[in-house]
Amino acid sequence: MRAWAAAWSARDTDRYLAAYAPDFTPPRNQDRKRWETDRRARITEKSSISVGIEDLVISVNGQAASAKFKQLYRADKVKETGRKTLELQRVGSQWLIRKESAGG
């Protein structure tokens, strides 16, 4: 989770998107390619981004896991804090994001 947040903060879209599993389900049933294009645009248009993670709790069940945490997001003049849940799947030696949701 920290590498994902660091890639986002660095505006490194390739590394950020690499944290998502091939079968990641974008929000609102959005097409994966369209979601990636949108994420790239939203990340690169910011002059600065800071993503922090607090109160991280990870639950592992075999090859699946969930990560719940408080996300501290700052970008340009926007500052947001909220709970986030990531559903993860182990792929080789990596844990990749299959689904994400606010709250939890």
N, C-alpha and C. Protein backbone atom coordinates (compact mmCIF):
# COMPACT_ATOMS: atom_id res chain seq x y z
N MET A 1 0.82 -1.19 0.00
CA MET A 1 0.00 0.00 0.00
C MET A 1 0.86 1.26 0.00
N ARG A 2 1.96 1.19 0.70
CA ARG A 2 2.82 2.37 0.77
C ARG A 2 3.48 2.65 -0.59
N ALA A 3 3.84 1.61 -1.33
CA ALA A 3 4.43 1.80 -2.67
C ALA A 3 3.41 2.42 -3.62
N TRP A 4 2.16 1.99 -3.52
CA TRP A 4 1.07 2.53 -4.32
C TRP A 4 0.89 4.01 -4.01
N ALA A 5 0.85 4.36 -2.73
CA ALA A 5 0.70 5.75 -2.31
C ALA A 5 1.90 6.58 -2.75
N ALA A 6 3.11 6.00 -2.66
CA ALA A 6 4.33 6.72 -3.07
C ALA A 6 4.32 6.99 -4.58
N ALA A 7 3.90 6.01 -5.36
CA ALA A 7 3.83 6.18 -6.82
C ALA A 7 2.81 7.27 -7.17
N TRP A 8 1.67 7.28 -6.48
CA TRP A 8 0.64 8.29 -6.71
C TRP A 8 1.19 9.66 -6.34
N SER A 9 1.85 9.76 -5.18
CA SER A 9 2.42 11.02 -4.73
C SER A 9 3.49 11.53 -5.70
N ALA A 10 4.24 10.62 -6.29
CA ALA A 10 5.30 10.99 -7.24
C ALA A 10 4.73 11.28 -8.63
N ARG A 11 3.44 11.09 -8.80
CA ARG A 11 2.77 11.26 -10.09
C ARG A 11 3.35 10.33 -11.13
N ASP A 12 3.80 9.15 -10.68
CA ASP A 12 4.36 8.11 -11.55
C ASP A 12 3.21 7.19 -11.96
N THR A 13 2.53 7.56 -13.03
CA THR A 13 1.31 6.85 -13.41
C THR A 13 1.56 5.39 -13.80
N ASP A 14 2.70 5.09 -14.41
CA ASP A 14 2.99 3.70 -14.78
C ASP A 14 3.09 2.83 -13.52
N ARG A 15 3.84 3.30 -12.53
CA ARG A 15 4.00 2.53 -11.29
C ARG A 15 2.69 2.48 -10.51
N TYR A 16 1.94 3.58 -10.51
CA TYR A 16 0.64 3.64 -9.84
C TYR A 16 -0.32 2.61 -10.45
N LEU A 17 -0.45 2.61 -11.77
CA LEU A 17 -1.37 1.69 -12.44
C LEU A 17 -0.91 0.24 -12.35
N ALA A 18 0.39 0.01 -12.22
CA ALA A 18 0.92 -1.35 -12.08
C ALA A 18 0.48 -2.00 -10.76
N ALA A 19 0.00 -1.21 -9.82
CA ALA A 19 -0.49 -1.74 -8.55
C ALA A 19 -1.87 -2.38 -8.67
N TYR A 20 -2.51 -2.20 -9.83
CA TYR A 20 -3.86 -2.72 -10.05
C TYR A 20 -3.80 -4.03 -10.84
N ALA A 21 -4.57 -5.01 -10.37
CA ALA A 21 -4.62 -6.33 -11.01
C ALA A 21 -5.25 -6.21 -12.41
N PRO A 22 -4.91 -7.14 -13.31
CA PRO A 22 -5.52 -7.13 -14.64
C PRO A 22 -7.05 -7.19 -14.60
N ASP A 23 -7.60 -7.85 -13.57
CA ASP A 23 -9.07 -7.96 -13.47
C ASP A 23 -9.65 -6.93 -12.50
N PHE A 24 -8.93 -5.82 -12.26
CA PHE A 24 -9.44 -4.74 -11.41
C PHE A 24 -10.79 -4.26 -11.93
N THR A 25 -11.72 -4.04 -11.02
CA THR A 25 -13.04 -3.55 -11.36
C THR A 25 -13.11 -2.05 -11.10
N PRO A 26 -13.06 -1.22 -12.15
CA PRO A 26 -13.16 0.23 -11.93
C PRO A 26 -14.52 0.61 -11.36
N PRO A 27 -14.59 1.75 -10.66
CA PRO A 27 -15.87 2.19 -10.10
C PRO A 27 -16.89 2.51 -11.19
N ARG A 28 -18.13 2.41 -10.82
CA ARG A 28 -19.27 2.75 -11.70
C ARG A 28 -19.25 1.98 -13.01
N ASN A 29 -18.75 0.74 -12.97
CA ASN A 29 -18.71 -0.13 -14.16
C ASN A 29 -18.03 0.52 -15.35
N GLN A 30 -17.07 1.38 -15.07
CA GLN A 30 -16.32 2.06 -16.13
C GLN A 30 -15.41 1.06 -16.83
N ASP A 31 -15.21 1.25 -18.12
CA ASP A 31 -14.28 0.43 -18.90
C ASP A 31 -12.87 0.63 -18.36
N ARG A 32 -12.09 -0.44 -18.28
CA ARG A 32 -10.74 -0.38 -17.71
C ARG A 32 -9.85 0.61 -18.46
N LYS A 33 -9.85 0.56 -19.78
CA LYS A 33 -9.00 1.46 -20.57
C LYS A 33 -9.39 2.93 -20.33
N ARG A 34 -10.69 3.16 -20.29
CA ARG A 34 -11.18 4.52 -20.06
C ARG A 34 -10.78 5.00 -18.65
N TRP A 35 -10.89 4.08 -17.66
CA TRP A 35 -10.52 4.40 -16.29
C TRP A 35 -9.03 4.76 -16.23
N GLU A 36 -8.16 3.97 -16.89
CA GLU A 36 -6.72 4.24 -16.89
C GLU A 36 -6.42 5.59 -17.53
N THR A 37 -7.06 5.89 -18.64
CA THR A 37 -6.86 7.17 -19.32
C THR A 37 -7.26 8.32 -18.41
N ASP A 38 -8.39 8.17 -17.74
CA ASP A 38 -8.88 9.19 -16.81
C ASP A 38 -7.91 9.37 -15.64
N ARG A 39 -7.43 8.26 -15.06
CA ARG A 39 -6.51 8.34 -13.93
C ARG A 39 -5.21 9.02 -14.35
N ARG A 40 -4.68 8.66 -15.51
CA ARG A 40 -3.44 9.30 -15.99
C ARG A 40 -3.63 10.81 -16.11
N ALA A 41 -4.73 11.23 -16.70
CA ALA A 41 -5.00 12.66 -16.88
C ALA A 41 -5.16 13.36 -15.53
N ARG A 42 -5.91 12.76 -14.62
CA ARG A 42 -6.16 13.39 -13.32
C ARG A 42 -4.90 13.47 -12.47
N ILE A 43 -3.99 12.53 -12.62
CA ILE A 43 -2.75 12.54 -11.85
C ILE A 43 -1.75 13.52 -12.45
N THR A 44 -1.56 13.47 -13.76
CA THR A 44 -0.52 14.31 -14.38
C THR A 44 -0.90 15.79 -14.45
N GLU A 45 -2.19 16.11 -14.38
CA GLU A 45 -2.59 17.52 -14.44
C GLU A 45 -2.31 18.27 -13.14
N LYS A 46 -2.08 17.56 -12.06
CA LYS A 46 -1.80 18.18 -10.77
C LYS A 46 -0.34 18.61 -10.72
N SER A 47 -0.08 19.76 -10.10
CA SER A 47 1.31 20.20 -9.96
C SER A 47 1.99 19.47 -8.80
N SER A 48 1.21 19.04 -7.82
CA SER A 48 1.76 18.24 -6.73
C SER A 48 0.66 17.38 -6.12
N ILE A 49 1.05 16.20 -5.64
CA ILE A 49 0.13 15.28 -4.99
C ILE A 49 0.84 14.70 -3.77
N SER A 50 0.09 14.58 -2.69
CA SER A 50 0.61 13.91 -1.50
C SER A 50 -0.48 12.96 -1.01
N VAL A 51 -0.12 11.68 -0.91
CA VAL A 51 -1.06 10.67 -0.44
C VAL A 51 -0.44 9.98 0.78
N GLY A 52 -1.13 10.10 1.90
CA GLY A 52 -0.66 9.46 3.11
C GLY A 52 -1.62 8.37 3.55
N ILE A 53 -1.10 7.40 4.28
CA ILE A 53 -1.90 6.29 4.79
C ILE A 53 -1.71 6.22 6.30
N GLU A 54 -2.82 6.19 7.03
CA GLU A 54 -2.79 6.05 8.48
C GLU A 54 -3.74 4.96 8.91
N ASP A 55 -3.49 4.40 10.07
CA ASP A 55 -4.37 3.39 10.67
C ASP A 55 -4.60 2.21 9.73
N LEU A 56 -3.54 1.73 9.08
CA LEU A 56 -3.64 0.62 8.13
C LEU A 56 -3.89 -0.69 8.86
N VAL A 57 -4.95 -1.39 8.43
CA VAL A 57 -5.27 -2.72 8.96
C VAL A 57 -5.41 -3.65 7.76
N ILE A 58 -4.60 -4.71 7.74
CA ILE A 58 -4.62 -5.67 6.64
C ILE A 58 -5.11 -7.01 7.15
N SER A 59 -6.08 -7.59 6.45
CA SER A 59 -6.59 -8.93 6.76
C SER A 59 -6.28 -9.83 5.58
N VAL A 60 -5.57 -10.94 5.84
CA VAL A 60 -5.18 -11.86 4.78
C VAL A 60 -5.96 -13.15 4.90
N ASN A 61 -6.47 -13.64 3.76
CA ASN A 61 -7.20 -14.91 3.70
C ASN A 61 -6.68 -15.66 2.47
N GLY A 62 -5.61 -16.44 2.66
CA GLY A 62 -5.03 -17.18 1.54
C GLY A 62 -4.39 -16.24 0.53
N GLN A 63 -4.87 -16.28 -0.71
CA GLN A 63 -4.33 -15.45 -1.79
C GLN A 63 -5.08 -14.12 -1.92
N ALA A 64 -6.00 -13.84 -0.99
CA ALA A 64 -6.76 -12.59 -1.01
C ALA A 64 -6.50 -11.84 0.29
N ALA A 65 -6.68 -10.53 0.23
CA ALA A 65 -6.50 -9.70 1.42
C ALA A 65 -7.32 -8.43 1.26
N SER A 66 -7.57 -7.78 2.39
CA SER A 66 -8.19 -6.47 2.33
C SER A 66 -7.35 -5.53 3.18
N ALA A 67 -7.25 -4.31 2.73
CA ALA A 67 -6.51 -3.27 3.43
C ALA A 67 -7.47 -2.12 3.70
N LYS A 68 -7.63 -1.78 4.97
CA LYS A 68 -8.49 -0.67 5.35
C LYS A 68 -7.62 0.38 6.02
N PHE A 69 -7.82 1.63 5.65
CA PHE A 69 -6.98 2.70 6.17
C PHE A 69 -7.64 4.06 6.00
N LYS A 70 -7.04 5.06 6.67
CA LYS A 70 -7.44 6.44 6.47
C LYS A 70 -6.49 7.02 5.43
N GLN A 71 -7.06 7.56 4.37
CA GLN A 71 -6.26 8.15 3.29
C GLN A 71 -6.25 9.67 3.45
N LEU A 72 -5.05 10.23 3.43
CA LEU A 72 -4.86 11.68 3.51
C LEU A 72 -4.38 12.13 2.14
N TYR A 73 -5.24 12.83 1.41
CA TYR A 73 -4.95 13.22 0.03
C TYR A 73 -4.86 14.73 -0.07
N ARG A 74 -3.78 15.19 -0.69
CA ARG A 74 -3.61 16.61 -0.98
C ARG A 74 -3.12 16.75 -2.40
N ALA A 75 -3.74 17.63 -3.15
CA ALA A 75 -3.30 17.91 -4.51
C ALA A 75 -3.66 19.35 -4.83
N ASP A 76 -2.65 20.12 -5.18
CA ASP A 76 -2.84 21.53 -5.46
C ASP A 76 -3.62 22.17 -4.30
N LYS A 77 -4.83 22.62 -4.51
CA LYS A 77 -5.59 23.28 -3.45
C LYS A 77 -6.62 22.36 -2.78
N VAL A 78 -6.63 21.09 -3.14
CA VAL A 78 -7.59 20.12 -2.59
C VAL A 78 -6.95 19.38 -1.43
N LYS A 79 -7.73 19.21 -0.36
CA LYS A 79 -7.27 18.43 0.79
C LYS A 79 -8.45 17.58 1.26
N GLU A 80 -8.29 16.25 1.19
CA GLU A 80 -9.36 15.33 1.57
C GLU A 80 -8.82 14.24 2.48
N THR A 81 -9.62 13.87 3.45
CA THR A 81 -9.30 12.75 4.33
C THR A 81 -10.52 11.85 4.36
N GLY A 82 -10.30 10.54 4.20
CA GLY A 82 -11.42 9.62 4.23
C GLY A 82 -10.94 8.19 4.39
N ARG A 83 -11.86 7.31 4.74
CA ARG A 83 -11.56 5.90 4.88
C ARG A 83 -11.58 5.26 3.50
N LYS A 84 -10.70 4.28 3.30
CA LYS A 84 -10.64 3.57 2.03
C LYS A 84 -10.42 2.09 2.31
N THR A 85 -11.01 1.25 1.46
CA THR A 85 -10.80 -0.19 1.53
C THR A 85 -10.32 -0.67 0.17
N LEU A 86 -9.21 -1.42 0.17
CA LEU A 86 -8.70 -2.04 -1.05
C LEU A 86 -8.79 -3.54 -0.91
N GLU A 87 -9.38 -4.20 -1.90
CA GLU A 87 -9.41 -5.67 -1.95
C GLU A 87 -8.24 -6.09 -2.82
N LEU A 88 -7.40 -6.97 -2.29
CA LEU A 88 -6.16 -7.34 -2.96
C LEU A 88 -6.12 -8.82 -3.32
N GLN A 89 -5.31 -9.13 -4.32
CA GLN A 89 -5.09 -10.52 -4.72
C GLN A 89 -3.59 -10.72 -4.92
N ARG A 90 -3.09 -11.83 -4.43
CA ARG A 90 -1.68 -12.15 -4.60
C ARG A 90 -1.45 -12.68 -6.01
N VAL A 91 -0.54 -12.03 -6.74
CA VAL A 91 -0.18 -12.44 -8.09
C VAL A 91 1.34 -12.58 -8.07
N GLY A 92 1.80 -13.82 -8.07
CA GLY A 92 3.24 -14.07 -7.93
C GLY A 92 3.69 -13.60 -6.56
N SER A 93 4.65 -12.69 -6.53
CA SER A 93 5.15 -12.18 -5.25
C SER A 93 4.53 -10.84 -4.88
N GLN A 94 3.56 -10.38 -5.67
CA GLN A 94 2.96 -9.06 -5.44
C GLN A 94 1.51 -9.16 -4.99
N TRP A 95 1.10 -8.17 -4.23
CA TRP A 95 -0.31 -8.00 -3.90
C TRP A 95 -0.83 -6.88 -4.79
N LEU A 96 -1.84 -7.19 -5.63
CA LEU A 96 -2.40 -6.21 -6.56
C LEU A 96 -3.84 -5.89 -6.17
N ILE A 97 -4.25 -4.67 -6.50
CA ILE A 97 -5.58 -4.17 -6.15
C ILE A 97 -6.61 -4.70 -7.14
N ARG A 98 -7.65 -5.37 -6.61
CA ARG A 98 -8.74 -5.87 -7.47
C ARG A 98 -9.96 -4.96 -7.41
N LYS A 99 -10.14 -4.29 -6.26
CA LYS A 99 -11.31 -3.44 -6.08
C LYS A 99 -10.99 -2.42 -5.00
N GLU A 100 -11.53 -1.21 -5.14
CA GLU A 100 -11.36 -0.21 -4.11
C GLU A 100 -12.67 0.49 -3.84
N SER A 101 -12.86 0.88 -2.59
CA SER A 101 -14.09 1.58 -2.23
C SER A 101 -13.81 2.58 -1.11
N ALA A 102 -14.61 3.62 -1.09
CA ALA A 102 -14.52 4.62 -0.03
C ALA A 102 -15.32 4.11 1.16
N GLY A 103 -14.90 4.52 2.33
CA GLY A 103 -15.58 4.08 3.54
C GLY A 103 -15.00 2.77 4.03
N GLY A 104 -15.60 2.24 5.06
CA GLY A 104 -15.15 0.94 5.57
C GLY A 104 -14.30 1.15 6.76
